[in-house]
Amino acid sequence: MSVTVAILNFNGKDQLRRLLPQVRAHGFRHIVVLDDASTDGSVGWLATQSDVITIAGEKNLGPPGNRNRLLHAPTEDIILFLDNDIELLGSDNATAVAAEFKRYPEAAVIGPLIYSTSDEPMWYNWGHDFRPYRWGLAEALNRMAIAHWGDPAVMATIREIAQGAVSNFEPVKDREADWVVEMFFAVRADVFSELNGFDPKFRMFHGGPDFCLRARNAGHKVRFTTSFAAKHLDQRTGTTDARMRDNFASTSYYFQKHFGLSQDVIIPLILAR
């Protein structure tokens, strides 16, 4: 079972310079960069990398649409989507990714443990079905945890409430999950094609949960694994305001698409954050 690595890029030439040697060192041989209309010379630099296939878009589509550029390109059995601000940890991830799919043949999507820049397990790495009440509970528990991080009694209560509902406060272990985050997202190529890729209406956020929900509805499984790991360096493109607008729009669209909630219901919930 072989793997295609597909790296998302938008004005991230310096990130590519850092990440591509890691990808090679981890044993990946089929490497694709999906460039989302960069203006920083990324495509020109990539032309000097003889072992890298570049699919360069003329229009900026955002991450979900950029990933879908791979729908019309040949790939290996497994597609591993990587954001360009990921740092690969451990060694020989190529073998580890393939082995995990062999171990769990019913899994269509597998996501690994991801650490934050503070070297703690990242929040929203994986999760339970992204329903409105769980989203609200997660927001409440996150705020409580930030305010009382150093209080063992409060944190114990938060972890107890979170069980089976909010993954940020649950034990880190291999498990079946409802979704995994899309920044390090391994998917069977046939399922990626079957589902016609990611929903491009998600500009920035929630594309992974949406894809995983559609995969599960089609009878496939999703898994979270600690067999390989990565670190998110959080090199953001765009302004904070733009990210907030994208998050607002994606959350609103997700709840409309999957639960039929109207804007009149969704907007007060989001603004209450």
C-alpha atoms as a PDB file:
ATOM      1  CA  MET A   1       0.000   0.000   0.000  1.00  0.00           C
ATOM      2  CA  SER A   2       1.616   3.265  -1.137  1.00  0.00           C
ATOM      3  CA  VAL A   3       1.049   6.899  -0.188  1.00  0.00           C
ATOM      4  CA  THR A   4       0.807  10.178  -2.068  1.00  0.00           C
ATOM      5  CA  VAL A   5       1.701  13.202   0.059  1.00  0.00           C
ATOM      6  CA  ALA A   6      -0.260  16.289  -0.999  1.00  0.00           C
ATOM      7  CA  ILE A   7       1.008  19.494   0.620  1.00  0.00           C
ATOM      8  CA  LEU A   8      -1.238  22.536   0.630  1.00  0.00           C
ATOM      9  CA  ASN A   9       0.528  25.812  -0.086  1.00  0.00           C
ATOM     10  CA  PHE A  10      -0.402  29.472  -0.258  1.00  0.00           C
ATOM     11  CA  ASN A  11       2.491  31.926  -0.073  1.00  0.00           C
ATOM     12  CA  GLY A  12       4.457  29.453   1.993  1.00  0.00           C
ATOM     13  CA  LYS A  13       7.741  29.076   0.128  1.00  0.00           C
ATOM     14  CA  ASP A  14       9.753  29.191   3.359  1.00  0.00           C
ATOM     15  CA  GLN A  15       7.508  26.539   4.903  1.00  0.00           C
ATOM     16  CA  LEU A  16       7.996  24.319   1.859  1.00  0.00           C
ATOM     17  CA  ARG A  17      11.771  24.687   2.151  1.00  0.00           C
ATOM     18  CA  ARG A  18      11.478  23.385   5.713  1.00  0.00           C
ATOM     19  CA  LEU A  19       8.858  20.665   5.150  1.00  0.00           C
ATOM     20  CA  LEU A  20       9.926  18.978   1.917  1.00  0.00           C
ATOM     21  CA  PRO A  21      13.221  17.604   3.342  1.00  0.00           C
ATOM     22  CA  GLN A  22      11.210  16.121   6.227  1.00  0.00           C
ATOM     23  CA  VAL A  23       8.761  14.488   3.829  1.00  0.00           C
ATOM     24  CA  ARG A  24      11.605  12.911   1.891  1.00  0.00           C
ATOM     25  CA  ALA A  25      13.374  11.781   5.070  1.00  0.00           C
ATOM     26  CA  HIS A  26      10.192  10.023   6.221  1.00  0.00           C
ATOM     27  CA  GLY A  27      10.244   7.830   3.121  1.00  0.00           C
ATOM     28  CA  PHE A  28       7.526   9.423   0.995  1.00  0.00           C
ATOM     29  CA  ARG A  29       8.292   9.097  -2.695  1.00  0.00           C
ATOM     30  CA  HIS A  30       5.193  10.460  -4.454  1.00  0.00           C
ATOM     31  CA  ILE A  31       5.055  14.130  -3.455  1.00  0.00           C
ATOM     32  CA  VAL A  32       2.558  16.667  -4.767  1.00  0.00           C
ATOM     33  CA  VAL A  33       2.263  20.341  -3.840  1.00  0.00           C
ATOM     34  CA  LEU A  34      -1.137  21.937  -4.348  1.00  0.00           C
ATOM     35  CA  ASP A  35      -0.506  25.648  -4.789  1.00  0.00           C
ATOM     36  CA  ASP A  36      -3.449  27.982  -4.234  1.00  0.00           C
ATOM     37  CA  ALA A  37      -2.411  30.920  -6.467  1.00  0.00           C
ATOM     38  CA  SER A  38       0.656  31.948  -4.449  1.00  0.00           C
ATOM     39  CA  THR A  39       2.363  35.244  -5.222  1.00  0.00           C
ATOM     40  CA  ASP A  40       5.598  34.709  -3.255  1.00  0.00           C
ATOM     41  CA  GLY A  41       7.519  32.746  -5.867  1.00  0.00           C
ATOM     42  CA  SER A  42       6.518  29.348  -4.489  1.00  0.00           C
ATOM     43  CA  VAL A  43       5.728  27.878  -7.906  1.00  0.00           C
ATOM     44  CA  GLY A  44       9.000  29.065  -9.410  1.00  0.00           C
ATOM     45  CA  TRP A  45      10.967  27.558  -6.531  1.00  0.00           C
ATOM     46  CA  LEU A  46       9.023  24.294  -6.769  1.00  0.00           C
ATOM     47  CA  ALA A  47      10.101  24.028 -10.421  1.00  0.00           C
ATOM     48  CA  THR A  48      13.637  23.432  -9.103  1.00  0.00           C
ATOM     49  CA  GLN A  49      12.469  20.406  -7.076  1.00  0.00           C
ATOM     50  CA  SER A  50      12.679  17.574  -9.580  1.00  0.00           C
ATOM     51  CA  ASP A  51      10.928  14.997  -7.381  1.00  0.00           C
ATOM     52  CA  VAL A  52       7.896  17.173  -6.653  1.00  0.00           C
ATOM     53  CA  ILE A  53       4.755  17.413  -8.799  1.00  0.00           C
ATOM     54  CA  THR A  54       3.225  20.885  -8.600  1.00  0.00           C
ATOM     55  CA  ILE A  55      -0.448  21.499  -9.314  1.00  0.00           C
ATOM     56  CA  ALA A  56      -0.695  25.268  -9.480  1.00  0.00           C
ATOM     57  CA  GLY A  57      -4.053  27.010  -9.415  1.00  0.00           C
ATOM     58  CA  GLU A  58      -4.664  30.354 -11.063  1.00  0.00           C
ATOM     59  CA  LYS A  59      -7.435  31.218  -8.580  1.00  0.00           C
ATOM     60  CA  ASN A  60      -7.312  31.114  -4.794  1.00  0.00           C
ATOM     61  CA  LEU A  61      -9.939  28.583  -3.704  1.00  0.00           C
ATOM     62  CA  GLY A  62      -9.156  28.163  -0.009  1.00  0.00           C
ATOM     63  CA  PRO A  63      -7.956  24.873   1.521  1.00  0.00           C
ATOM     64  CA  PRO A  64     -10.955  22.621   0.658  1.00  0.00           C
ATOM     65  CA  GLY A  65     -11.033  23.686  -2.981  1.00  0.00           C
ATOM     66  CA  ASN A  66      -7.261  23.445  -3.187  1.00  0.00           C
ATOM     67  CA  ARG A  67      -7.333  19.858  -1.910  1.00  0.00           C
ATOM     68  CA  ASN A  68      -9.877  19.016  -4.578  1.00  0.00           C
ATOM     69  CA  ARG A  69      -7.358  19.840  -7.291  1.00  0.00           C
ATOM     70  CA  LEU A  70      -6.079  16.337  -6.608  1.00  0.00           C
ATOM     71  CA  LEU A  71      -9.384  14.798  -7.752  1.00  0.00           C
ATOM     72  CA  HIS A  72      -8.218  14.956 -11.346  1.00  0.00           C
ATOM     73  CA  ALA A  73      -4.635  13.783 -10.783  1.00  0.00           C
ATOM     74  CA  PRO A  74      -3.209  10.256 -10.446  1.00  0.00           C
ATOM     75  CA  THR A  75      -2.411   9.212  -6.867  1.00  0.00           C
ATOM     76  CA  GLU A  76      -1.296   6.205  -4.888  1.00  0.00           C
ATOM     77  CA  ASP A  77      -3.632   4.081  -2.720  1.00  0.00           C
ATOM     78  CA  ILE A  78      -3.569   6.560   0.185  1.00  0.00           C
ATOM     79  CA  ILE A  79      -3.561  10.350   0.029  1.00  0.00           C
ATOM     80  CA  LEU A  80      -1.929  12.167   2.933  1.00  0.00           C
ATOM     81  CA  PHE A  81      -2.949  15.817   2.980  1.00  0.00           C
ATOM     82  CA  LEU A  82      -0.536  18.061   4.883  1.00  0.00           C
ATOM     83  CA  ASP A  83      -0.775  21.756   5.629  1.00  0.00           C
ATOM     84  CA  ASN A  84       2.572  23.403   4.955  1.00  0.00           C
ATOM     85  CA  ASP A  85       3.002  24.460   8.604  1.00  0.00           C
ATOM     86  CA  ILE A  86       3.124  20.858   9.856  1.00  0.00           C
ATOM     87  CA  GLU A  87       6.316  19.395  11.295  1.00  0.00           C
ATOM     88  CA  LEU A  88       6.620  15.624  11.013  1.00  0.00           C
ATOM     89  CA  LEU A  89       7.708  13.851  14.190  1.00  0.00           C
ATOM     90  CA  GLY A  90       9.264  10.433  14.699  1.00  0.00           C
ATOM     91  CA  SER A  91      10.648   8.553  11.710  1.00  0.00           C
ATOM     92  CA  ASP A  92       9.415   6.708   8.619  1.00  0.00           C
ATOM     93  CA  ASN A  93       5.882   8.068   8.596  1.00  0.00           C
ATOM     94  CA  ALA A  94       5.411   6.607   5.121  1.00  0.00           C
ATOM     95  CA  THR A  95       5.579   3.091   6.542  1.00  0.00           C
ATOM     96  CA  ALA A  96       3.529   4.030   9.614  1.00  0.00           C
ATOM     97  CA  VAL A  97       0.660   5.522   7.585  1.00  0.00           C
ATOM     98  CA  ALA A  98       0.457   2.497   5.270  1.00  0.00           C
ATOM     99  CA  ALA A  99       0.652   0.096   8.219  1.00  0.00           C
ATOM    100  CA  GLU A 100      -2.231   1.820  10.015  1.00  0.00           C
ATOM    101  CA  PHE A 101      -4.525   1.384   7.007  1.00  0.00           C
ATOM    102  CA  LYS A 102      -3.522  -2.270   6.732  1.00  0.00           C
ATOM    103  CA  ARG A 103      -4.261  -2.706  10.442  1.00  0.00           C
ATOM    104  CA  TYR A 104      -7.698  -1.106  10.051  1.00  0.00           C
ATOM    105  CA  PRO A 105      -8.981  -1.961   6.542  1.00  0.00           C
ATOM    106  CA  GLU A 106     -12.432  -0.580   7.405  1.00  0.00           C
ATOM    107  CA  ALA A 107     -10.970   2.906   8.002  1.00  0.00           C
ATOM    108  CA  ALA A 108     -11.356   5.443   5.215  1.00  0.00           C
ATOM    109  CA  VAL A 109      -9.731   8.318   7.110  1.00  0.00           C
ATOM    110  CA  ILE A 110      -6.958   8.299   9.715  1.00  0.00           C
ATOM    111  CA  GLY A 111      -5.573  11.298  11.579  1.00  0.00           C
ATOM    112  CA  PRO A 112      -2.630  11.301  14.005  1.00  0.00           C
ATOM    113  CA  LEU A 113      -1.796  12.961  17.272  1.00  0.00           C
ATOM    114  CA  ILE A 114      -0.850  16.594  16.650  1.00  0.00           C
ATOM    115  CA  TYR A 115       1.009  18.753  19.155  1.00  0.00           C
ATOM    116  CA  SER A 116       0.648  22.513  19.496  1.00  0.00           C
ATOM    117  CA  THR A 117       3.549  24.970  19.590  1.00  0.00           C
ATOM    118  CA  SER A 118       3.536  24.540  23.383  1.00  0.00           C
ATOM    119  CA  ASP A 119       4.175  20.787  22.902  1.00  0.00           C
ATOM    120  CA  GLU A 120       0.773  19.860  24.345  1.00  0.00           C
ATOM    121  CA  PRO A 121      -1.782  17.736  22.442  1.00  0.00           C
ATOM    122  CA  MET A 122      -3.611  20.171  20.203  1.00  0.00           C
ATOM    123  CA  TRP A 123      -7.262  20.988  20.848  1.00  0.00           C
ATOM    124  CA  TYR A 124      -9.686  19.977  18.086  1.00  0.00           C
ATOM    125  CA  ASN A 125      -7.288  17.280  16.855  1.00  0.00           C
ATOM    126  CA  TRP A 126     -10.153  14.778  16.684  1.00  0.00           C
ATOM    127  CA  GLY A 127     -13.663  14.772  17.988  1.00  0.00           C
ATOM    128  CA  HIS A 128     -17.163  13.488  18.457  1.00  0.00           C
ATOM    129  CA  ASP A 129     -20.005  14.170  16.044  1.00  0.00           C
ATOM    130  CA  PHE A 130     -19.976  17.940  15.526  1.00  0.00           C
ATOM    131  CA  ARG A 131     -23.500  18.717  16.720  1.00  0.00           C
ATOM    132  CA  PRO A 132     -24.654  22.150  17.909  1.00  0.00           C
ATOM    133  CA  TYR A 133     -25.003  21.165  21.559  1.00  0.00           C
ATOM    134  CA  ARG A 134     -21.540  19.565  21.597  1.00  0.00           C
ATOM    135  CA  TRP A 135     -20.086  22.655  19.947  1.00  0.00           C
ATOM    136  CA  GLY A 136     -21.687  24.802  22.659  1.00  0.00           C
ATOM    137  CA  LEU A 137     -20.429  22.510  25.419  1.00  0.00           C
ATOM    138  CA  ALA A 138     -16.917  22.571  23.953  1.00  0.00           C
ATOM    139  CA  GLU A 139     -16.944  26.380  23.898  1.00  0.00           C
ATOM    140  CA  ALA A 140     -18.061  26.498  27.549  1.00  0.00           C
ATOM    141  CA  LEU A 141     -15.519  23.933  28.770  1.00  0.00           C
ATOM    142  CA  ASN A 142     -12.701  25.563  26.797  1.00  0.00           C
ATOM    143  CA  ARG A 143     -13.384  28.902  28.499  1.00  0.00           C
ATOM    144  CA  MET A 144     -13.577  27.277  31.916  1.00  0.00           C
ATOM    145  CA  ALA A 145     -10.299  25.438  31.323  1.00  0.00           C
ATOM    146  CA  ILE A 146      -8.449  28.552  30.194  1.00  0.00           C
ATOM    147  CA  ALA A 147      -9.669  30.423  33.279  1.00  0.00           C
ATOM    148  CA  HIS A 148      -8.898  27.587  35.742  1.00  0.00           C
ATOM    149  CA  TRP A 149      -6.013  25.675  34.134  1.00  0.00           C
ATOM    150  CA  GLY A 150      -4.041  25.590  37.383  1.00  0.00           C
ATOM    151  CA  ASP A 151      -6.916  24.383  39.551  1.00  0.00           C
ATOM    152  CA  PRO A 152      -6.861  20.550  39.764  1.00  0.00           C
ATOM    153  CA  ALA A 153     -10.388  20.302  41.167  1.00  0.00           C
ATOM    154  CA  VAL A 154     -11.961  22.393  38.415  1.00  0.00           C
ATOM    155  CA  MET A 155      -9.986  20.599  35.719  1.00  0.00           C
ATOM    156  CA  ALA A 156     -11.080  17.211  37.109  1.00  0.00           C
ATOM    157  CA  THR A 157     -14.700  18.341  36.847  1.00  0.00           C
ATOM    158  CA  ILE A 158     -14.151  19.560  33.284  1.00  0.00           C
ATOM    159  CA  ARG A 159     -12.625  16.214  32.282  1.00  0.00           C
ATOM    160  CA  GLU A 160     -15.536  14.351  33.845  1.00  0.00           C
ATOM    161  CA  ILE A 161     -18.121  16.461  31.997  1.00  0.00           C
ATOM    162  CA  ALA A 162     -16.168  16.162  28.738  1.00  0.00           C
ATOM    163  CA  GLN A 163     -16.199  12.352  28.544  1.00  0.00           C
ATOM    164  CA  GLY A 164     -17.865  11.230  25.328  1.00  0.00           C
ATOM    165  CA  ALA A 165     -18.612  14.785  24.267  1.00  0.00           C
ATOM    166  CA  VAL A 166     -15.554  17.097  24.111  1.00  0.00           C
ATOM    167  CA  SER A 167     -12.319  15.496  22.952  1.00  0.00           C
ATOM    168  CA  ASN A 168     -10.057  18.347  24.137  1.00  0.00           C
ATOM    169  CA  PHE A 169     -10.208  16.970  27.688  1.00  0.00           C
ATOM    170  CA  GLU A 170     -10.278  13.217  27.037  1.00  0.00           C
ATOM    171  CA  PRO A 171      -7.332  10.787  27.261  1.00  0.00           C
ATOM    172  CA  VAL A 172      -5.043  10.655  24.217  1.00  0.00           C
ATOM    173  CA  LYS A 173      -5.234   7.103  22.879  1.00  0.00           C
ATOM    174  CA  ASP A 174      -5.895   5.192  19.657  1.00  0.00           C
ATOM    175  CA  ARG A 175      -9.609   5.072  18.949  1.00  0.00           C
ATOM    176  CA  GLU A 176     -12.386   5.234  16.418  1.00  0.00           C
ATOM    177  CA  ALA A 177     -13.450   8.870  16.072  1.00  0.00           C
ATOM    178  CA  ASP A 178     -16.241  10.792  14.401  1.00  0.00           C
ATOM    179  CA  TRP A 179     -13.776  13.182  12.762  1.00  0.00           C
ATOM    180  CA  VAL A 180     -10.113  14.172  12.602  1.00  0.00           C
ATOM    181  CA  VAL A 181      -8.703  17.564  11.721  1.00  0.00           C
ATOM    182  CA  GLU A 182      -7.820  18.141   8.083  1.00  0.00           C
ATOM    183  CA  MET A 183      -4.306  19.621   8.520  1.00  0.00           C
ATOM    184  CA  PHE A 184      -2.814  16.074   8.651  1.00  0.00           C
ATOM    185  CA  PHE A 185      -5.445  13.918   6.994  1.00  0.00           C
ATOM    186  CA  ALA A 186      -4.836  10.481   5.504  1.00  0.00           C
ATOM    187  CA  VAL A 187      -7.637   9.166   3.287  1.00  0.00           C
ATOM    188  CA  ARG A 188      -8.078   6.221   0.957  1.00  0.00           C
ATOM    189  CA  ALA A 189      -7.887   7.533  -2.588  1.00  0.00           C
ATOM    190  CA  ASP A 190     -10.962   5.605  -3.705  1.00  0.00           C
ATOM    191  CA  VAL A 191     -13.057   7.124  -0.901  1.00  0.00           C
ATOM    192  CA  PHE A 192     -11.745  10.620  -1.675  1.00  0.00           C
ATOM    193  CA  SER A 193     -12.957  10.102  -5.243  1.00  0.00           C
ATOM    194  CA  GLU A 194     -16.213   8.432  -4.149  1.00  0.00           C
ATOM    195  CA  LEU A 195     -17.153  11.460  -2.019  1.00  0.00           C
ATOM    196  CA  ASN A 196     -15.966  13.940  -4.660  1.00  0.00           C
ATOM    197  CA  GLY A 197     -13.420  15.384  -2.280  1.00  0.00           C
ATOM    198  CA  PHE A 198     -13.994  18.151   0.221  1.00  0.00           C
ATOM    199  CA  ASP A 199     -16.961  20.500   0.148  1.00  0.00           C
ATOM    200  CA  PRO A 200     -15.486  23.725  -1.321  1.00  0.00           C
ATOM    201  CA  LYS A 201     -18.119  25.855   0.423  1.00  0.00           C
ATOM    202  CA  PHE A 202     -16.040  25.490   3.579  1.00  0.00           C
ATOM    203  CA  ARG A 203     -13.585  28.276   3.014  1.00  0.00           C
ATOM    204  CA  MET A 204     -11.231  27.502   5.905  1.00  0.00           C
ATOM    205  CA  PHE A 205     -12.717  25.523   8.811  1.00  0.00           C
ATOM    206  CA  HIS A 206     -14.739  22.313   9.354  1.00  0.00           C
ATOM    207  CA  GLY A 207     -13.845  20.667   6.041  1.00  0.00           C
ATOM    208  CA  GLY A 208     -12.424  17.657   7.897  1.00  0.00           C
ATOM    209  CA  PRO A 209     -15.473  17.063  10.113  1.00  0.00           C
ATOM    210  CA  ASP A 210     -17.754  17.452   7.097  1.00  0.00           C
ATOM    211  CA  PHE A 211     -15.769  14.964   5.001  1.00  0.00           C
ATOM    212  CA  CYS A 212     -15.630  12.487   7.887  1.00  0.00           C
ATOM    213  CA  LEU A 213     -19.377  12.746   8.472  1.00  0.00           C
ATOM    214  CA  ARG A 214     -20.067  12.042   4.801  1.00  0.00           C
ATOM    215  CA  ALA A 215     -17.614   9.124   4.895  1.00  0.00           C
ATOM    216  CA  ARG A 216     -19.329   7.634   7.956  1.00  0.00           C
ATOM    217  CA  ASN A 217     -22.736   8.119   6.356  1.00  0.00           C
ATOM    218  CA  ALA A 218     -21.410   6.104   3.395  1.00  0.00           C
ATOM    219  CA  GLY A 219     -20.449   3.244   5.730  1.00  0.00           C
ATOM    220  CA  HIS A 220     -16.768   4.013   6.310  1.00  0.00           C
ATOM    221  CA  LYS A 221     -14.810   4.397   9.563  1.00  0.00           C
ATOM    222  CA  VAL A 222     -12.616   7.207  10.860  1.00  0.00           C
ATOM    223  CA  ARG A 223      -9.708   6.648  13.254  1.00  0.00           C
ATOM    224  CA  PHE A 224      -7.416   8.699  15.454  1.00  0.00           C
ATOM    225  CA  THR A 225      -3.965   7.198  16.015  1.00  0.00           C
ATOM    226  CA  THR A 226      -0.872   7.784  18.124  1.00  0.00           C
ATOM    227  CA  SER A 227       1.212   5.518  15.865  1.00  0.00           C
ATOM    228  CA  PHE A 228       2.630   8.611  14.174  1.00  0.00           C
ATOM    229  CA  ALA A 229       2.535  12.256  15.158  1.00  0.00           C
ATOM    230  CA  ALA A 230       3.158  15.810  14.050  1.00  0.00           C
ATOM    231  CA  LYS A 231       3.443  19.353  15.374  1.00  0.00           C
ATOM    232  CA  HIS A 232       1.385  22.292  14.151  1.00  0.00           C
ATOM    233  CA  LEU A 233       3.620  25.345  13.814  1.00  0.00           C
ATOM    234  CA  ASP A 234       0.586  27.618  13.372  1.00  0.00           C
ATOM    235  CA  GLN A 235       2.017  29.803  10.589  1.00  0.00           C
ATOM    236  CA  ARG A 236      -1.222  31.552   9.697  1.00  0.00           C
ATOM    237  CA  THR A 237      -1.922  33.261   6.409  1.00  0.00           C
ATOM    238  CA  GLY A 238      -4.453  36.073   6.347  1.00  0.00           C
ATOM    239  CA  THR A 239      -5.575  38.405   9.095  1.00  0.00           C
ATOM    240  CA  THR A 240      -7.272  37.512  12.367  1.00  0.00           C
ATOM    241  CA  ASP A 241     -10.437  39.246  11.159  1.00  0.00           C
ATOM    242  CA  ALA A 242     -10.453  37.180   7.961  1.00  0.00           C
ATOM    243  CA  ARG A 243     -10.028  33.957   9.926  1.00  0.00           C
ATOM    244  CA  MET A 244     -12.887  34.929  12.239  1.00  0.00           C
ATOM    245  CA  ARG A 245     -15.128  35.607   9.223  1.00  0.00           C
ATOM    246  CA  ASP A 246     -14.181  32.269   7.676  1.00  0.00           C
ATOM    247  CA  ASN A 247     -14.829  30.459  10.969  1.00  0.00           C
ATOM    248  CA  PHE A 248     -18.211  32.167  11.331  1.00  0.00           C
ATOM    249  CA  ALA A 249     -19.217  31.317   7.762  1.00  0.00           C
ATOM    250  CA  SER A 250     -18.008  27.703   7.979  1.00  0.00           C
ATOM    251  CA  THR A 251     -19.717  27.032  11.317  1.00  0.00           C
ATOM    252  CA  SER A 252     -22.941  28.554  10.043  1.00  0.00           C
ATOM    253  CA  TYR A 253     -22.812  26.524   6.821  1.00  0.00           C
ATOM    254  CA  TYR A 254     -22.021  23.260   8.660  1.00  0.00           C
ATOM    255  CA  PHE A 255     -25.043  23.575  10.946  1.00  0.00           C
ATOM    256  CA  GLN A 256     -27.273  24.564   8.032  1.00  0.00           C
ATOM    257  CA  LYS A 257     -26.048  21.718   5.837  1.00  0.00           C
ATOM    258  CA  HIS A 258     -26.265  18.893   8.367  1.00  0.00           C
ATOM    259  CA  PHE A 259     -28.930  20.023  10.846  1.00  0.00           C
ATOM    260  CA  GLY A 260     -31.110  22.432   8.880  1.00  0.00           C
ATOM    261  CA  LEU A 261     -30.575  25.294  11.324  1.00  0.00           C
ATOM    262  CA  SER A 262     -31.481  28.703   9.942  1.00  0.00           C
ATOM    263  CA  GLN A 263     -29.290  31.797  10.158  1.00  0.00           C
ATOM    264  CA  ASP A 264     -31.738  33.219  12.707  1.00  0.00           C
ATOM    265  CA  VAL A 265     -30.856  30.359  15.071  1.00  0.00           C
ATOM    266  CA  ILE A 266     -27.157  30.070  14.266  1.00  0.00           C
ATOM    267  CA  ILE A 267     -26.043  33.707  14.401  1.00  0.00           C
ATOM    268  CA  PRO A 268     -27.006  34.352  18.067  1.00  0.00           C
ATOM    269  CA  LEU A 269     -25.261  31.113  19.075  1.00  0.00           C
ATOM    270  CA  ILE A 270     -22.020  32.118  17.364  1.00  0.00           C
ATOM    271  CA  LEU A 271     -22.124  35.729  18.512  1.00  0.00           C
ATOM    272  CA  ALA A 272     -22.636  34.552  22.097  1.00  0.00           C
ATOM    273  CA  ARG A 273     -19.071  33.230  22.053  1.00  0.00           C
END
